[in-house]
PDB file of all heavy atoms in Angstrom:
ATOM      1  N   ARG A   1     104.289  82.226  64.667  1.00  0.00           N
ATOM      2  CA  ARG A   1     103.801  83.537  65.070  1.00  0.00           C
ATOM      3  C   ARG A   1     103.440  83.514  66.548  1.00  0.00           C
ATOM      4  O   ARG A   1     102.888  82.540  67.043  1.00  0.00           O
ATOM      5  CB  ARG A   1     102.589  83.953  64.226  1.00  0.00           C
ATOM      6  CG  ARG A   1     102.913  84.109  62.742  1.00  0.00           C
ATOM      7  CD  ARG A   1     101.699  84.560  61.949  1.00  0.00           C
ATOM      8  NE  ARG A   1     101.981  84.631  60.537  1.00  0.00           N
ATOM      9  CZ  ARG A   1     102.516  85.681  59.928  1.00  0.00           C
ATOM     10  NH1 ARG A   1     102.822  86.753  60.641  1.00  0.00           N
ATOM     11  NH2 ARG A   1     102.741  85.678  58.637  1.00  0.00           N
ATOM     12  N   VAL A   2     103.751  84.606  67.243  1.00  0.00           N
ATOM     13  CA  VAL A   2     103.494  84.699  68.683  1.00  0.00           C
ATOM     14  C   VAL A   2     102.114  85.304  68.901  1.00  0.00           C
ATOM     15  O   VAL A   2     101.787  86.359  68.344  1.00  0.00           O
ATOM     16  CB  VAL A   2     104.571  85.559  69.368  1.00  0.00           C
ATOM     17  CG1 VAL A   2     104.283  85.688  70.861  1.00  0.00           C
ATOM     18  CG2 VAL A   2     105.949  84.955  69.143  1.00  0.00           C
ATOM     19  N   LYS A   3     101.300  84.636  69.717  1.00  0.00           N
ATOM     20  CA  LYS A   3      99.973  85.119  70.034  1.00  0.00           C
ATOM     21  C   LYS A   3      99.808  85.138  71.548  1.00  0.00           C
ATOM     22  O   LYS A   3     100.375  84.311  72.254  1.00  0.00           O
ATOM     23  CB  LYS A   3      98.890  84.230  69.400  1.00  0.00           C
ATOM     24  CG  LYS A   3      98.948  84.167  67.886  1.00  0.00           C
ATOM     25  CD  LYS A   3      97.789  83.358  67.321  1.00  0.00           C
ATOM     26  CE  LYS A   3      96.460  84.044  67.581  1.00  0.00           C
ATOM     27  NZ  LYS A   3      95.338  83.298  66.953  1.00  0.00           N
ATOM     28  N   GLY A   4      99.006  86.060  72.026  1.00  0.00           N
ATOM     29  CA  GLY A   4      98.700  86.127  73.448  1.00  0.00           C
ATOM     30  C   GLY A   4      99.416  87.226  74.202  1.00  0.00           C
ATOM     31  O   GLY A   4      99.199  87.389  75.404  1.00  0.00           O
ATOM     32  N   LEU A   5     100.266  88.006  73.535  1.00  0.00           N
ATOM     33  CA  LEU A   5     100.983  89.062  74.228  1.00  0.00           C
ATOM     34  C   LEU A   5     100.037  90.140  74.750  1.00  0.00           C
ATOM     35  O   LEU A   5     100.218  90.658  75.854  1.00  0.00           O
ATOM     36  CB  LEU A   5     102.031  89.686  73.299  1.00  0.00           C
ATOM     37  CG  LEU A   5     103.269  88.836  72.999  1.00  0.00           C
ATOM     38  CD1 LEU A   5     104.154  89.536  71.983  1.00  0.00           C
ATOM     39  CD2 LEU A   5     104.054  88.582  74.265  1.00  0.00           C
ATOM     40  N   THR A   6      99.019  90.488  73.951  1.00  0.00           N
ATOM     41  CA  THR A   6      98.062  91.500  74.391  1.00  0.00           C
ATOM     42  C   THR A   6      97.278  91.015  75.600  1.00  0.00           C
ATOM     43  O   THR A   6      97.036  91.773  76.547  1.00  0.00           O
ATOM     44  CB  THR A   6      97.108  91.861  73.245  1.00  0.00           C
ATOM     45  OG1 THR A   6      97.855  92.336  72.126  1.00  0.00           O
ATOM     46  CG2 THR A   6      96.135  92.952  73.682  1.00  0.00           C
ATOM     47  N   THR A   7      96.886  89.745  75.597  1.00  0.00           N
ATOM     48  CA  THR A   7      96.166  89.188  76.741  1.00  0.00           C
ATOM     49  C   THR A   7      97.047  89.187  77.983  1.00  0.00           C
ATOM     50  O   THR A   7      96.593  89.525  79.085  1.00  0.00           O
ATOM     51  CB  THR A   7      95.695  87.759  76.430  1.00  0.00           C
ATOM     52  OG1 THR A   7      94.839  87.786  75.286  1.00  0.00           O
ATOM     53  CG2 THR A   7      94.929  87.178  77.605  1.00  0.00           C
ATOM     54  N   ALA A   8      98.322  88.817  77.836  1.00  0.00           N
ATOM     55  CA  ALA A   8      99.239  88.819  78.971  1.00  0.00           C
ATOM     56  C   ALA A   8      99.421  90.227  79.527  1.00  0.00           C
ATOM     57  O   ALA A   8      99.432  90.435  80.753  1.00  0.00           O
ATOM     58  CB  ALA A   8     100.583  88.233  78.549  1.00  0.00           C
ATOM     59  N   ALA A   9      99.561  91.210  78.636  1.00  0.00           N
ATOM     60  CA  ALA A   9      99.692  92.594  79.088  1.00  0.00           C
ATOM     61  C   ALA A   9      98.407  93.066  79.767  1.00  0.00           C
ATOM     62  O   ALA A   9      98.449  93.816  80.751  1.00  0.00           O
ATOM     63  CB  ALA A   9     100.026  93.506  77.904  1.00  0.00           C
ATOM     64  N   GLY A  10      97.242  92.613  79.249  1.00  0.00           N
ATOM     65  CA  GLY A  10      95.972  92.967  79.874  1.00  0.00           C
ATOM     66  C   GLY A  10      95.834  92.386  81.269  1.00  0.00           C
ATOM     67  O   GLY A  10      95.295  93.032  82.177  1.00  0.00           O
ATOM     68  N   LEU A  11      96.319  91.168  81.462  1.00  0.00           N
ATOM     69  CA  LEU A  11      96.304  90.567  82.801  1.00  0.00           C
ATOM     70  C   LEU A  11      97.171  91.364  83.762  1.00  0.00           C
ATOM     71  O   LEU A  11      96.791  91.597  84.917  1.00  0.00           O
ATOM     72  CB  LEU A  11      96.799  89.117  82.721  1.00  0.00           C
ATOM     73  CG  LEU A  11      95.863  88.101  82.061  1.00  0.00           C
ATOM     74  CD1 LEU A  11      96.584  86.772  81.900  1.00  0.00           C
ATOM     75  CD2 LEU A  11      94.601  87.919  82.884  1.00  0.00           C
ATOM     76  N   TRP A  12      98.326  91.771  83.298  1.00  0.00           N
ATOM     77  CA  TRP A  12      99.217  92.568  84.134  1.00  0.00           C
ATOM     78  C   TRP A  12      98.564  93.899  84.495  1.00  0.00           C
ATOM     79  O   TRP A  12      98.607  94.342  85.654  1.00  0.00           O
ATOM     80  CB  TRP A  12     100.531  92.788  83.392  1.00  0.00           C
ATOM     81  CG  TRP A  12     101.599  93.463  84.196  1.00  0.00           C
ATOM     82  CD1 TRP A  12     102.330  92.923  85.210  1.00  0.00           C
ATOM     83  CD2 TRP A  12     102.056  94.807  84.036  1.00  0.00           C
ATOM     84  NE1 TRP A  12     103.229  93.856  85.694  1.00  0.00           N
ATOM     85  CE2 TRP A  12     103.084  95.017  85.001  1.00  0.00           C
ATOM     86  CE3 TRP A  12     101.704  95.852  83.181  1.00  0.00           C
ATOM     87  CZ2 TRP A  12     103.744  96.234  85.117  1.00  0.00           C
ATOM     88  CZ3 TRP A  12     102.376  97.057  83.302  1.00  0.00           C
ATOM     89  CH2 TRP A  12     103.390  97.235  84.254  1.00  0.00           C
ATOM     90  N   ALA A  13      97.924  94.543  83.511  1.00  0.00           N
ATOM     91  CA  ALA A  13      97.234  95.802  83.776  1.00  0.00           C
ATOM     92  C   ALA A  13      96.055  95.596  84.723  1.00  0.00           C
ATOM     93  O   ALA A  13      95.801  96.425  85.607  1.00  0.00           O
ATOM     94  CB  ALA A  13      96.755  96.426  82.457  1.00  0.00           C
ATOM     95  N   ALA A  14      95.333  94.486  84.570  1.00  0.00           N
ATOM     96  CA  ALA A  14      94.198  94.199  85.452  1.00  0.00           C
ATOM     97  C   ALA A  14      94.656  94.020  86.891  1.00  0.00           C
ATOM     98  O   ALA A  14      93.969  94.439  87.835  1.00  0.00           O
ATOM     99  CB  ALA A  14      93.462  92.960  84.970  1.00  0.00           C
ATOM    100  N   ALA A  15      95.827  93.402  87.081  1.00  0.00           N
ATOM    101  CA  ALA A  15      96.353  93.226  88.436  1.00  0.00           C
ATOM    102  C   ALA A  15      96.667  94.572  89.071  1.00  0.00           C
ATOM    103  O   ALA A  15      96.358  94.811  90.251  1.00  0.00           O
ATOM    104  CB  ALA A  15      97.599  92.345  88.393  1.00  0.00           C
ATOM    105  N   ILE A  16      97.259  95.468  88.312  1.00  0.00           N
ATOM    106  CA  ILE A  16      97.596  96.789  88.857  1.00  0.00           C
ATOM    107  C   ILE A  16      96.323  97.601  89.108  1.00  0.00           C
ATOM    108  O   ILE A  16      96.226  98.339  90.098  1.00  0.00           O
ATOM    109  CB  ILE A  16      98.551  97.524  87.908  1.00  0.00           C
ATOM    110  CG1 ILE A  16      99.835  96.714  87.744  1.00  0.00           C
ATOM    111  CG2 ILE A  16      98.864  98.916  88.427  1.00  0.00           C
ATOM    112  CD1 ILE A  16     100.828  97.313  86.790  1.00  0.00           C
ATOM    113  N   ILE A  17      95.333  97.472  88.240  1.00  0.00           N
ATOM    114  CA  ILE A  17      94.044  98.140  88.483  1.00  0.00           C
ATOM    115  C   ILE A  17      93.421  97.608  89.772  1.00  0.00           C
ATOM    116  O   ILE A  17      92.823  98.356  90.555  1.00  0.00           O
ATOM    117  CB  ILE A  17      93.104  97.934  87.279  1.00  0.00           C
ATOM    118  CG1 ILE A  17      93.615  98.720  86.074  1.00  0.00           C
ATOM    119  CG2 ILE A  17      91.676  98.347  87.618  1.00  0.00           C
ATOM    120  CD1 ILE A  17      92.850  98.450  84.794  1.00  0.00           C
ATOM    121  N   GLY A  18      93.577  96.303  90.009  1.00  0.00           N
ATOM    122  CA  GLY A  18      93.086  95.732  91.253  1.00  0.00           C
ATOM    123  C   GLY A  18      93.769  96.327  92.465  1.00  0.00           C
ATOM    124  O   GLY A  18      93.129  96.579  93.497  1.00  0.00           O
ATOM    125  N   LEU A  19      95.071  96.576  92.364  1.00  0.00           N
ATOM    126  CA  LEU A  19      95.784  97.238  93.456  1.00  0.00           C
ATOM    127  C   LEU A  19      95.216  98.626  93.710  1.00  0.00           C
ATOM    128  O   LEU A  19      95.064  99.051  94.872  1.00  0.00           O
ATOM    129  CB  LEU A  19      97.280  97.329  93.134  1.00  0.00           C
ATOM    130  CG  LEU A  19      98.051  96.007  93.028  1.00  0.00           C
ATOM    131  CD1 LEU A  19      99.494  96.271  92.604  1.00  0.00           C
ATOM    132  CD2 LEU A  19      98.034  95.267  94.355  1.00  0.00           C
ATOM    133  N   ALA A  20      94.909  99.344  92.642  1.00  0.00           N
ATOM    134  CA  ALA A  20      94.318 100.679  92.791  1.00  0.00           C
ATOM    135  C   ALA A  20      92.931 100.596  93.430  1.00  0.00           C
ATOM    136  O   ALA A  20      92.574 101.428  94.272  1.00  0.00           O
ATOM    137  CB  ALA A  20      94.241 101.371  91.432  1.00  0.00           C
ATOM    138  N   CYS A  21      92.157  99.586  93.050  1.00  0.00           N
ATOM    139  CA  CYS A  21      90.824  99.404  93.652  1.00  0.00           C
ATOM    140  C   CYS A  21      90.946  99.115  95.146  1.00  0.00           C
ATOM    141  O   CYS A  21      90.206  99.665  95.959  1.00  0.00           O
ATOM    142  CB  CYS A  21      90.080  98.263  92.962  1.00  0.00           C
ATOM    143  SG  CYS A  21      89.611  98.574  91.251  1.00  0.00           S
ATOM    144  N   GLY A  22      91.885  98.244  95.489  1.00  0.00           N
ATOM    145  CA  GLY A  22      92.073  97.916  96.898  1.00  0.00           C
ATOM    146  C   GLY A  22      92.518  99.102  97.720  1.00  0.00           C
ATOM    147  O   GLY A  22      92.203  99.202  98.909  1.00  0.00           O
ATOM    148  N   ALA A  23      93.251 100.020  97.108  1.00  0.00           N
ATOM    149  CA  ALA A  23      93.720 101.212  97.809  1.00  0.00           C
ATOM    150  C   ALA A  23      92.647 102.292  97.873  1.00  0.00           C
ATOM    151  O   ALA A  23      92.847 103.319  98.525  1.00  0.00           O
ATOM    152  CB  ALA A  23      94.969 101.761  97.135  1.00  0.00           C
ATOM    153  N   GLY A  24      91.529 102.091  97.195  1.00  0.00           N
ATOM    154  CA  GLY A  24      90.483 103.102  97.165  1.00  0.00           C
ATOM    155  C   GLY A  24      90.724 104.206  96.173  1.00  0.00           C
ATOM    156  O   GLY A  24      90.059 105.245  96.213  1.00  0.00           O
ATOM    157  N   TYR A  25      91.665 103.995  95.275  1.00  0.00           N
ATOM    158  CA  TYR A  25      91.973 104.999  94.260  1.00  0.00           C
ATOM    159  C   TYR A  25      90.995 104.819  93.099  1.00  0.00           C
ATOM    160  O   TYR A  25      91.356 104.345  92.022  1.00  0.00           O
ATOM    161  CB  TYR A  25      93.414 104.842  93.817  1.00  0.00           C
ATOM    162  CG  TYR A  25      93.999 106.030  93.096  1.00  0.00           C
ATOM    163  CD1 TYR A  25      93.269 107.191  92.859  1.00  0.00           C
ATOM    164  CD2 TYR A  25      95.318 106.005  92.639  1.00  0.00           C
ATOM    165  CE1 TYR A  25      93.807 108.269  92.203  1.00  0.00           C
ATOM    166  CE2 TYR A  25      95.882 107.074  91.984  1.00  0.00           C
ATOM    167  CZ  TYR A  25      95.117 108.200  91.761  1.00  0.00           C
ATOM    168  OH  TYR A  25      95.656 109.289  91.095  1.00  0.00           O
ATOM    169  N   VAL A  26      89.764 105.224  93.307  1.00  0.00           N
ATOM    170  CA  VAL A  26      88.678 104.955  92.372  1.00  0.00           C
ATOM    171  C   VAL A  26      88.918 105.623  91.034  1.00  0.00           C
ATOM    172  O   VAL A  26      88.716 105.029  89.967  1.00  0.00           O
ATOM    173  CB  VAL A  26      87.335 105.423  92.966  1.00  0.00           C
ATOM    174  CG1 VAL A  26      86.180 105.140  92.011  1.00  0.00           C
ATOM    175  CG2 VAL A  26      87.089 104.740  94.304  1.00  0.00           C
ATOM    176  N   GLU A  27      89.346 106.890  91.061  1.00  0.00           N
ATOM    177  CA  GLU A  27      89.529 107.621  89.811  1.00  0.00           C
ATOM    178  C   GLU A  27      90.537 106.925  88.898  1.00  0.00           C
ATOM    179  O   GLU A  27      90.304 106.765  87.692  1.00  0.00           O
ATOM    180  CB  GLU A  27      90.008 109.051  90.097  1.00  0.00           C
ATOM    181  CG  GLU A  27      89.152 109.813  91.087  1.00  0.00           C
ATOM    182  CD  GLU A  27      89.657 109.677  92.518  1.00  0.00           C
ATOM    183  OE1 GLU A  27      89.893 108.529  92.938  1.00  0.00           O
ATOM    184  OE2 GLU A  27      89.821 110.702  93.194  1.00  0.00           O
ATOM    185  N   CYS A  28      91.657 106.505  89.478  1.00  0.00           N
ATOM    186  CA  CYS A  28      92.682 105.836  88.685  1.00  0.00           C
ATOM    187  C   CYS A  28      92.178 104.507  88.140  1.00  0.00           C
ATOM    188  O   CYS A  28      92.423 104.177  86.972  1.00  0.00           O
ATOM    189  CB  CYS A  28      93.931 105.628  89.532  1.00  0.00           C
ATOM    190  SG  CYS A  28      95.258 104.745  88.697  1.00  0.00           S
ATOM    191  N   ALA A  29      91.470 103.738  88.969  1.00  0.00           N
ATOM    192  CA  ALA A  29      90.993 102.418  88.548  1.00  0.00           C
ATOM    193  C   ALA A  29      90.007 102.533  87.389  1.00  0.00           C
ATOM    194  O   ALA A  29      90.104 101.802  86.397  1.00  0.00           O
ATOM    195  CB  ALA A  29      90.341 101.701  89.729  1.00  0.00           C
ATOM    196  N   VAL A  30      89.060 103.447  87.506  1.00  0.00           N
ATOM    197  CA  VAL A  30      88.038 103.597  86.460  1.00  0.00           C
ATOM    198  C   VAL A  30      88.661 104.119  85.174  1.00  0.00           C
ATOM    199  O   VAL A  30      88.408 103.594  84.074  1.00  0.00           O
ATOM    200  CB  VAL A  30      86.913 104.534  86.940  1.00  0.00           C
ATOM    201  CG1 VAL A  30      85.943 104.834  85.799  1.00  0.00           C
ATOM    202  CG2 VAL A  30      86.168 103.912  88.115  1.00  0.00           C
ATOM    203  N   PHE A  31      89.491 105.148  85.279  1.00  0.00           N
ATOM    204  CA  PHE A  31      90.108 105.725  84.084  1.00  0.00           C
ATOM    205  C   PHE A  31      91.032 104.708  83.405  1.00  0.00           C
ATOM    206  O   PHE A  31      91.049 104.604  82.177  1.00  0.00           O
ATOM    207  CB  PHE A  31      90.885 106.989  84.451  1.00  0.00           C
ATOM    208  CG  PHE A  31      91.547 107.655  83.280  1.00  0.00           C
ATOM    209  CD1 PHE A  31      90.795 108.372  82.345  1.00  0.00           C
ATOM    210  CD2 PHE A  31      92.913 107.557  83.079  1.00  0.00           C
ATOM    211  CE1 PHE A  31      91.395 108.977  81.257  1.00  0.00           C
ATOM    212  CE2 PHE A  31      93.526 108.149  81.994  1.00  0.00           C
ATOM    213  CZ  PHE A  31      92.765 108.870  81.079  1.00  0.00           C
ATOM    214  N   SER A  32      91.803 103.953  84.205  1.00  0.00           N
ATOM    215  CA  SER A  32      92.707 102.954  83.630  1.00  0.00           C
ATOM    216  C   SER A  32      91.929 101.859  82.914  1.00  0.00           C
ATOM    217  O   SER A  32      92.354 101.375  81.857  1.00  0.00           O
ATOM    218  CB  SER A  32      93.571 102.339  84.731  1.00  0.00           C
ATOM    219  OG  SER A  32      94.361 103.322  85.362  1.00  0.00           O
ATOM    220  N   THR A  33      90.794 101.463  83.467  1.00  0.00           N
ATOM    221  CA  THR A  33      89.965 100.447  82.813  1.00  0.00           C
ATOM    222  C   THR A  33      89.475 100.943  81.457  1.00  0.00           C
ATOM    223  O   THR A  33      89.494 100.206  80.461  1.00  0.00           O
ATOM    224  CB  THR A  33      88.762 100.084  83.693  1.00  0.00           C
ATOM    225  OG1 THR A  33      89.238  99.608  84.960  1.00  0.00           O
ATOM    226  CG2 THR A  33      87.912  99.009  83.045  1.00  0.00           C
ATOM    227  N   LEU A  34      89.062 102.205  81.404  1.00  0.00           N
ATOM    228  CA  LEU A  34      88.605 102.779  80.133  1.00  0.00           C
ATOM    229  C   LEU A  34      89.751 102.838  79.125  1.00  0.00           C
ATOM    230  O   LEU A  34      89.553 102.554  77.938  1.00  0.00           O
ATOM    231  CB  LEU A  34      88.027 104.176  80.370  1.00  0.00           C
ATOM    232  CG  LEU A  34      86.745 104.240  81.204  1.00  0.00           C
ATOM    233  CD1 LEU A  34      86.330 105.697  81.425  1.00  0.00           C
ATOM    234  CD2 LEU A  34      85.614 103.472  80.528  1.00  0.00           C
ATOM    235  N   VAL A  35      90.938 103.182  79.589  1.00  0.00           N
ATOM    236  CA  VAL A  35      92.089 103.261  78.685  1.00  0.00           C
ATOM    237  C   VAL A  35      92.427 101.879  78.128  1.00  0.00           C
ATOM    238  O   VAL A  35      92.715 101.723  76.939  1.00  0.00           O
ATOM    239  CB  VAL A  35      93.304 103.868  79.410  1.00  0.00           C
ATOM    240  CG1 VAL A  35      94.556 103.755  78.540  1.00  0.00           C
ATOM    241  CG2 VAL A  35      93.048 105.322  79.753  1.00  0.00           C
TER     242      VAL A  35
END
């Protein structure tokens, strides 16, 4: 059985949220974190 796919996808999403934070796109970063 394959485990860890959700964690890997979460890491990828966290990296993109970090890009939004660095750009000052606060609304997108906060909303994406909640999602």
